[in-house]
């Protein structure tokens, strides 16, 4: 567990500015989802924690390079090793995931 702060951005249903979330007492991806949901209340109140989609990236990478955190049991220390301590998290809701994917695909095709 770490007292590190990470930057988090809600990408859907409407993109928000970056905000910080503490990793203190965060053990795994599921805990991180709960902390993000709490920090971004009331925007995420209507979504169940398992329905939130998190994508992590190094702060120096573009959003399109973010990798989905699919295993809720994955330890945060593992995520930190993969993306370093300056990683950022993009948050998607189930109803807003598809327009972002479509936009990314359209950008690739141009």
C-alpha atoms as a PDB file:
ATOM      1  CA  UNK A   1       0.000   0.000   0.000  1.00  0.00           C
ATOM      2  CA  UNK A   2       1.196   3.465  -0.813  1.00  0.00           C
ATOM      3  CA  UNK A   3       0.423   7.087  -0.012  1.00  0.00           C
ATOM      4  CA  UNK A   4       1.106   7.956  -3.638  1.00  0.00           C
ATOM      5  CA  UNK A   5      -1.407  10.147  -5.449  1.00  0.00           C
ATOM      6  CA  UNK A   6      -2.321   9.310  -9.041  1.00  0.00           C
ATOM      7  CA  UNK A   7      -4.114  11.337 -11.680  1.00  0.00           C
ATOM      8  CA  UNK A   8      -7.511  10.061 -12.806  1.00  0.00           C
ATOM      9  CA  UNK A   9      -9.774  11.283 -15.597  1.00  0.00           C
ATOM     10  CA  UNK A  10     -13.355  10.292 -16.346  1.00  0.00           C
ATOM     11  CA  UNK A  11     -13.624   9.733 -20.098  1.00  0.00           C
ATOM     12  CA  UNK A  12     -17.289   8.820 -20.338  1.00  0.00           C
ATOM     13  CA  UNK A  13     -20.132   9.522 -20.347  1.00  0.00           C
ATOM     14  CA  UNK A  14     -18.573  13.026 -20.391  1.00  0.00           C
ATOM     15  CA  UNK A  15     -14.878  13.803 -20.161  1.00  0.00           C
ATOM     16  CA  UNK A  16     -13.826  15.589 -16.972  1.00  0.00           C
ATOM     17  CA  UNK A  17     -10.645  17.383 -15.922  1.00  0.00           C
ATOM     18  CA  UNK A  18      -7.889  15.355 -14.250  1.00  0.00           C
ATOM     19  CA  UNK A  19      -8.260  14.825 -10.499  1.00  0.00           C
ATOM     20  CA  UNK A  20      -6.060  13.094  -7.950  1.00  0.00           C
ATOM     21  CA  UNK A  21      -6.871   9.901  -6.070  1.00  0.00           C
ATOM     22  CA  UNK A  22      -4.785   8.589  -3.187  1.00  0.00           C
ATOM     23  CA  UNK A  23      -3.471   5.040  -3.305  1.00  0.00           C
ATOM     24  CA  UNK A  24      -3.349   4.916   0.493  1.00  0.00           C
ATOM     25  CA  UNK A  25      -5.079   1.711   1.657  1.00  0.00           C
ATOM     26  CA  UNK A  26      -5.577   0.637  -1.984  1.00  0.00           C
ATOM     27  CA  UNK A  27      -4.526  -2.989  -2.380  1.00  0.00           C
ATOM     28  CA  UNK A  28      -5.927  -4.019  -5.773  1.00  0.00           C
ATOM     29  CA  UNK A  29      -7.749  -2.776  -8.882  1.00  0.00           C
ATOM     30  CA  UNK A  30     -11.156  -3.369  -7.280  1.00  0.00           C
ATOM     31  CA  UNK A  31     -10.185  -1.113  -4.341  1.00  0.00           C
ATOM     32  CA  UNK A  32      -8.977   1.491  -6.837  1.00  0.00           C
ATOM     33  CA  UNK A  33     -12.327   1.438  -8.633  1.00  0.00           C
ATOM     34  CA  UNK A  34     -14.093   2.020  -5.303  1.00  0.00           C
ATOM     35  CA  UNK A  35     -11.775   4.921  -4.435  1.00  0.00           C
ATOM     36  CA  UNK A  36     -12.293   6.512  -7.856  1.00  0.00           C
ATOM     37  CA  UNK A  37     -16.063   6.091  -7.607  1.00  0.00           C
ATOM     38  CA  UNK A  38     -15.997   7.762  -4.179  1.00  0.00           C
ATOM     39  CA  UNK A  39     -13.743  10.617  -5.366  1.00  0.00           C
ATOM     40  CA  UNK A  40     -15.865  11.281  -8.450  1.00  0.00           C
ATOM     41  CA  UNK A  41     -19.225  11.227  -6.709  1.00  0.00           C
ATOM     42  CA  UNK A  42     -21.903  12.025  -7.701  1.00  0.00           C
ATOM     43  CA  UNK A  43     -20.899  11.519 -11.364  1.00  0.00           C
ATOM     44  CA  UNK A  44     -20.384   7.766 -10.875  1.00  0.00           C
ATOM     45  CA  UNK A  45     -23.107   7.098  -8.299  1.00  0.00           C
ATOM     46  CA  UNK A  46     -25.339   5.236 -10.761  1.00  0.00           C
ATOM     47  CA  UNK A  47     -22.627   2.724 -11.737  1.00  0.00           C
ATOM     48  CA  UNK A  48     -21.661  -0.456  -9.915  1.00  0.00           C
ATOM     49  CA  UNK A  49     -17.955  -0.768  -9.135  1.00  0.00           C
ATOM     50  CA  UNK A  50     -17.469  -3.894 -11.321  1.00  0.00           C
ATOM     51  CA  UNK A  51     -18.990  -2.014 -14.291  1.00  0.00           C
ATOM     52  CA  UNK A  52     -16.331   0.698 -14.315  1.00  0.00           C
ATOM     53  CA  UNK A  53     -13.562   0.185 -16.859  1.00  0.00           C
ATOM     54  CA  UNK A  54     -10.092   1.426 -15.911  1.00  0.00           C
ATOM     55  CA  UNK A  55      -7.241   1.927 -18.340  1.00  0.00           C
ATOM     56  CA  UNK A  56      -3.762   2.760 -17.075  1.00  0.00           C
ATOM     57  CA  UNK A  57      -0.923   4.500 -18.857  1.00  0.00           C
ATOM     58  CA  UNK A  58       2.380   6.158 -18.117  1.00  0.00           C
ATOM     59  CA  UNK A  59       1.883   9.892 -17.727  1.00  0.00           C
ATOM     60  CA  UNK A  60       4.082  10.504 -20.773  1.00  0.00           C
ATOM     61  CA  UNK A  61       1.920   8.305 -23.044  1.00  0.00           C
ATOM     62  CA  UNK A  62      -1.078   9.304 -25.145  1.00  0.00           C
ATOM     63  CA  UNK A  63      -4.515   8.204 -23.943  1.00  0.00           C
ATOM     64  CA  UNK A  64      -4.772   5.777 -26.861  1.00  0.00           C
ATOM     65  CA  UNK A  65      -1.856   3.801 -25.398  1.00  0.00           C
ATOM     66  CA  UNK A  66      -3.686   3.100 -22.133  1.00  0.00           C
ATOM     67  CA  UNK A  67      -4.058  -0.564 -21.184  1.00  0.00           C
ATOM     68  CA  UNK A  68      -7.244  -1.908 -19.623  1.00  0.00           C
ATOM     69  CA  UNK A  69      -6.932  -3.216 -16.074  1.00  0.00           C
ATOM     70  CA  UNK A  70      -9.091  -6.313 -16.487  1.00  0.00           C
ATOM     71  CA  UNK A  71      -8.394  -8.281 -13.307  1.00  0.00           C
ATOM     72  CA  UNK A  72     -10.031  -6.720 -10.221  1.00  0.00           C
ATOM     73  CA  UNK A  73      -7.675  -8.800  -8.032  1.00  0.00           C
ATOM     74  CA  UNK A  74      -4.501  -7.409  -9.624  1.00  0.00           C
ATOM     75  CA  UNK A  75      -2.374  -5.775  -6.974  1.00  0.00           C
ATOM     76  CA  UNK A  76      -1.700  -2.052  -7.242  1.00  0.00           C
ATOM     77  CA  UNK A  77       1.990  -2.777  -6.703  1.00  0.00           C
ATOM     78  CA  UNK A  78       1.873  -4.819  -9.924  1.00  0.00           C
ATOM     79  CA  UNK A  79       0.273  -1.898 -11.781  1.00  0.00           C
ATOM     80  CA  UNK A  80       2.937   0.436 -10.370  1.00  0.00           C
ATOM     81  CA  UNK A  81       5.708  -1.879 -11.578  1.00  0.00           C
ATOM     82  CA  UNK A  82       4.192  -1.979 -15.057  1.00  0.00           C
ATOM     83  CA  UNK A  83       3.481   1.756 -15.423  1.00  0.00           C
ATOM     84  CA  UNK A  84       5.822   3.257 -12.810  1.00  0.00           C
ATOM     85  CA  UNK A  85       4.731   5.548  -9.989  1.00  0.00           C
ATOM     86  CA  UNK A  86       3.590   8.339 -12.281  1.00  0.00           C
ATOM     87  CA  UNK A  87       0.862   6.305 -13.949  1.00  0.00           C
ATOM     88  CA  UNK A  88      -2.518   7.803 -14.796  1.00  0.00           C
ATOM     89  CA  UNK A  89      -5.909   6.128 -15.003  1.00  0.00           C
ATOM     90  CA  UNK A  90      -8.686   6.745 -17.506  1.00  0.00           C
ATOM     91  CA  UNK A  91     -12.173   5.780 -16.314  1.00  0.00           C
ATOM     92  CA  UNK A  92     -14.951   4.637 -18.611  1.00  0.00           C
ATOM     93  CA  UNK A  93     -18.558   3.823 -17.824  1.00  0.00           C
ATOM     94  CA  UNK A  94     -20.310   0.973 -19.657  1.00  0.00           C
ATOM     95  CA  UNK A  95     -22.617   3.322 -21.572  1.00  0.00           C
ATOM     96  CA  UNK A  96     -19.796   5.620 -22.629  1.00  0.00           C
ATOM     97  CA  UNK A  97     -17.107   3.123 -23.591  1.00  0.00           C
ATOM     98  CA  UNK A  98     -18.228   2.500 -27.152  1.00  0.00           C
ATOM     99  CA  UNK A  99     -18.190   6.091 -28.480  1.00  0.00           C
ATOM    100  CA  UNK A 100     -14.592   6.485 -27.253  1.00  0.00           C
ATOM    101  CA  UNK A 101     -13.519   3.251 -28.930  1.00  0.00           C
ATOM    102  CA  UNK A 102     -15.273   4.324 -32.140  1.00  0.00           C
ATOM    103  CA  UNK A 103     -13.540   7.714 -32.019  1.00  0.00           C
ATOM    104  CA  UNK A 104     -10.172   5.990 -31.554  1.00  0.00           C
ATOM    105  CA  UNK A 105     -10.849   3.711 -34.509  1.00  0.00           C
ATOM    106  CA  UNK A 106     -11.863   6.667 -36.671  1.00  0.00           C
ATOM    107  CA  UNK A 107      -8.654   8.487 -35.739  1.00  0.00           C
ATOM    108  CA  UNK A 108      -6.629   5.430 -36.757  1.00  0.00           C
ATOM    109  CA  UNK A 109      -8.316   5.205 -40.131  1.00  0.00           C
ATOM    110  CA  UNK A 110      -7.556   8.817 -41.085  1.00  0.00           C
END
